[in-house]
Protein backbone atom coordinates (compact mmCIF):
# COMPACT_ATOMS: atom_id res chain seq x y z
CA UNK A 1 -34.20 4.38 18.59
CA UNK A 2 -31.70 3.58 21.40
CA UNK A 3 -30.34 7.10 20.96
CA UNK A 4 -33.77 8.61 21.64
CA UNK A 5 -34.29 6.50 24.77
CA UNK A 6 -30.79 7.49 26.01
CA UNK A 7 -31.59 11.13 25.33
CA UNK A 8 -34.91 10.78 27.14
CA UNK A 9 -33.16 9.33 30.20
CA UNK A 10 -30.60 12.13 30.10
CA UNK A 11 -33.27 14.84 29.79
CA UNK A 12 -35.34 13.43 32.64
CA UNK A 13 -32.31 13.19 34.93
CA UNK A 14 -31.94 16.05 37.37
CA UNK A 15 -28.72 17.88 38.26
CA UNK A 16 -28.21 15.94 41.52
CA UNK A 17 -28.22 12.59 39.69
CA UNK A 18 -25.82 13.94 37.05
CA UNK A 19 -23.48 15.22 39.76
CA UNK A 20 -23.67 11.83 41.49
CA UNK A 21 -22.79 10.02 38.26
CA UNK A 22 -19.85 12.36 37.68
CA UNK A 23 -18.76 11.79 41.29
CA UNK A 24 -18.84 8.00 40.78
CA UNK A 25 -16.87 8.34 37.56
CA UNK A 26 -14.22 10.40 39.39
CA UNK A 27 -13.98 7.74 42.11
CA UNK A 28 -13.46 5.01 39.49
CA UNK A 29 -10.82 7.10 37.75
CA UNK A 30 -9.08 7.62 41.10
CA UNK A 31 -8.90 3.84 41.68
CA UNK A 32 -7.57 3.30 38.18
CA UNK A 33 -4.95 5.99 38.80
CA UNK A 34 -3.89 4.31 42.06
CA UNK A 35 -3.57 0.97 40.30
CA UNK A 36 -1.41 2.46 37.54
CA UNK A 37 0.80 4.22 40.10
CA UNK A 38 1.20 0.97 42.04
CA UNK A 39 2.16 -0.83 38.85
CA UNK A 40 4.68 1.90 37.96
CA UNK A 41 6.21 1.69 41.44
CA UNK A 42 6.49 -2.09 41.04
CA UNK A 43 8.31 -1.69 37.74
CA UNK A 44 10.66 0.91 39.25
CA UNK A 45 11.43 -1.34 42.21
CA UNK A 46 12.10 -4.27 39.87
CA UNK A 47 14.40 -2.05 37.79
CA UNK A 48 16.28 -0.96 40.91
CA UNK A 49 16.81 -4.57 41.98
CA UNK A 50 17.93 -5.45 38.46
CA UNK A 51 20.45 -2.58 38.45
CA UNK A 52 21.71 -3.68 41.87
CA UNK A 53 22.13 -7.24 40.62
CA UNK A 54 23.98 -6.01 37.53
CA UNK A 55 26.30 -4.00 39.76
CA UNK A 56 27.00 -7.11 41.87
CA UNK A 57 27.70 -9.24 38.79
CA UNK A 58 30.11 -6.56 37.54
CA UNK A 59 31.83 -6.60 40.94
CA UNK A 60 32.18 -10.38 40.75
CA UNK A 61 33.62 -10.07 37.24
CA UNK A 62 36.16 -7.53 38.54
CA UNK A 63 37.09 -9.90 41.37
CA UNK A 64 37.57 -12.75 38.89
CA UNK A 65 39.74 -10.56 36.71
CA UNK A 66 41.81 -9.27 39.61
CA UNK A 67 42.37 -12.74 41.11
CA UNK A 68 42.94 -14.75 37.94
CA UNK A 69 45.02 -12.11 36.14
CA UNK A 70 48.06 -12.38 38.45
CA UNK A 71 47.72 -16.16 38.58
CA UNK A 72 47.74 -16.44 34.80
CA UNK A 73 50.60 -13.97 34.59
CA UNK A 74 52.54 -15.99 37.15
CA UNK A 75 51.82 -19.20 35.25
CA UNK A 76 52.98 -17.60 32.00
CA UNK A 77 56.14 -16.37 33.73
CA UNK A 78 56.81 -19.86 35.10
CA UNK A 79 56.35 -21.39 31.65
CA UNK A 80 58.72 -18.81 30.16
CA UNK A 81 61.31 -19.67 32.81
CA UNK A 82 60.95 -23.38 32.14
CA UNK A 83 61.31 -23.10 28.38
CA UNK A 84 65.06 -22.34 28.19
CA UNK A 85 65.80 -24.82 30.95
CA UNK A 86 64.07 -27.61 29.11
CA UNK A 87 66.25 -26.84 26.04
CA UNK A 88 69.42 -27.35 28.06
CA UNK A 89 68.30 -30.70 29.48
CA UNK A 90 71.25 -32.50 27.97
CA UNK A 91 73.80 -30.31 29.77
CA UNK A 92 72.30 -30.07 33.27
CA UNK A 93 69.97 -33.05 33.78
CA UNK A 94 69.97 -33.04 37.60
CA UNK A 95 69.76 -29.26 37.91
CA UNK A 96 66.90 -29.11 35.45
CA UNK A 97 65.06 -31.96 37.16
CA UNK A 98 65.13 -30.21 40.54
CA UNK A 99 64.17 -26.88 38.98
CA UNK A 100 61.32 -28.50 37.06
CA UNK A 101 60.09 -30.16 40.24
CA UNK A 102 60.08 -26.89 42.15
CA UNK A 103 58.36 -25.07 39.29
CA UNK A 104 55.81 -27.86 38.93
CA UNK A 105 55.13 -27.58 42.65
CA UNK A 106 54.68 -23.82 42.24
CA UNK A 107 52.43 -24.48 39.27
CA UNK A 108 50.44 -27.01 41.35
CA UNK A 109 50.01 -24.45 44.12
CA UNK A 110 48.98 -21.86 41.54
CA UNK A 111 46.46 -24.25 39.99
CA UNK A 112 45.09 -25.09 43.44
CA UNK A 113 44.65 -21.38 44.12
CA UNK A 114 42.97 -20.97 40.75
CA UNK A 115 40.60 -23.88 41.49
CA UNK A 116 39.77 -22.44 44.92
CA UNK A 117 39.11 -19.02 43.39
CA UNK A 118 36.89 -20.49 40.69
CA UNK A 119 34.91 -22.49 43.28
CA UNK A 120 34.41 -19.36 45.37
CA UNK A 121 33.33 -17.34 42.34
CA UNK A 122 31.01 -20.12 41.20
CA UNK A 123 29.38 -20.23 44.66
CA UNK A 124 28.93 -16.46 44.72
CA UNK A 125 27.51 -16.45 41.22
CA UNK A 126 24.97 -19.15 42.11
CA UNK A 127 23.84 -17.16 45.15
CA UNK A 128 23.46 -13.99 43.07
CA UNK A 129 21.58 -15.80 40.31
CA UNK A 130 19.23 -17.32 42.90
CA UNK A 131 18.66 -13.87 44.42
CA UNK A 132 17.93 -12.45 40.99
CA UNK A 133 15.49 -15.27 40.30
CA UNK A 134 13.77 -14.64 43.65
CA UNK A 135 13.54 -10.89 42.94
CA UNK A 136 12.05 -11.42 39.47
CA UNK A 137 9.63 -14.07 40.79
CA UNK A 138 8.50 -11.76 43.63
CA UNK A 139 8.06 -8.86 41.20
CA UNK A 140 5.97 -10.98 38.82
CA UNK A 141 3.79 -12.30 41.66
CA UNK A 142 3.34 -8.74 42.96
CA UNK A 143 2.33 -7.46 39.52
CA UNK A 144 -0.16 -10.33 39.14
CA UNK A 145 -1.67 -9.59 42.56
CA UNK A 146 -1.96 -5.89 41.75
CA UNK A 147 -3.63 -6.69 38.42
CA UNK A 148 -6.06 -9.10 40.12
CA UNK A 149 -6.87 -6.51 42.82
CA UNK A 150 -7.46 -3.79 40.22
CA UNK A 151 -9.72 -6.07 38.16
CA UNK A 152 -11.76 -7.05 41.20
CA UNK A 153 -11.91 -3.43 42.38
CA UNK A 154 -13.36 -2.30 39.06
CA UNK A 155 -15.73 -5.20 38.33
CA UNK A 156 -17.71 -4.87 41.58
CA UNK A 157 -18.55 -1.16 41.26
CA UNK A 158 -19.32 -1.55 37.54
CA UNK A 159 -21.85 -4.29 38.35
CA UNK A 160 -23.38 -2.07 41.03
CA UNK A 161 -23.66 0.86 38.62
CA UNK A 162 -25.28 -1.43 36.02
CA UNK A 163 -27.81 -2.55 38.67
CA UNK A 164 -28.56 1.06 39.61
CA UNK A 165 -29.05 1.97 35.94
CA UNK A 166 -31.39 -0.99 35.42
CA UNK A 167 -33.38 0.06 38.49
CA UNK A 168 -33.56 3.66 37.29
CA UNK A 169 -34.73 2.51 33.89
CA UNK A 170 -37.49 0.38 35.40
CA UNK A 171 -38.53 3.32 37.60
CA UNK A 172 -38.59 5.71 34.66
CA UNK A 173 -40.65 3.26 32.62
CA UNK A 174 -43.11 2.98 35.46
CA UNK A 175 -43.31 6.79 35.84
CA UNK A 176 -43.82 7.29 32.10
CA UNK A 177 -46.47 4.57 31.99
CA UNK A 178 -48.39 6.16 34.88
CA UNK A 179 -48.00 9.76 33.78
CA UNK A 180 -50.82 11.58 32.00
CA UNK A 181 -48.66 11.66 28.88
CA UNK A 182 -48.03 7.96 28.83
CA UNK A 183 -50.27 5.50 27.08
CA UNK A 184 -51.17 2.52 29.24
CA UNK A 185 -50.96 0.16 26.28
CA UNK A 186 -47.49 1.29 25.09
CA UNK A 187 -44.29 0.82 27.04
CA UNK A 188 -41.19 2.98 27.19
CA UNK A 189 -39.29 0.28 25.32
CA UNK A 190 -41.58 0.73 22.27
CA UNK A 191 -39.71 3.95 21.52
CA UNK A 192 -36.30 2.28 21.28
């Protein structure tokens, strides 16, 4: 019988009330649309920041490759130069010792440069990772706030509409009970 009572409410409703209900539904759909657009914009902004971070990490990787490549090549060259000289240690002991010392000093300088470069890269990487973490955290907080705002924006009007419908139902029951067609001993709810 709930279908018959719903049909009775619909049939007794005039065109102005129907237009008002449609208007309210359009307003609610508009708010839902705004919330979805805001969420999509948030996702796009997060994606843009992620792409920017990826670009920066690639730039850091290129810097590492460009700075460590020549150092490693130089180190390899130094080791190749030392190899034949170490083999002839028996023939030229003093000459080899001085050459080894100079090459070891060059190798020490090279290793110091490599350590400095790695420290610099490590510092930059930490800063970028912290920035990425901050961006993701801000995006997640923003999405949560948008979701909370949308939920609160929908719950309030829905409760108001439910109250209006309950009031209309009580009014219709009263009108039916007082009308010449209504029976004073039966209520509108008896037909459900």
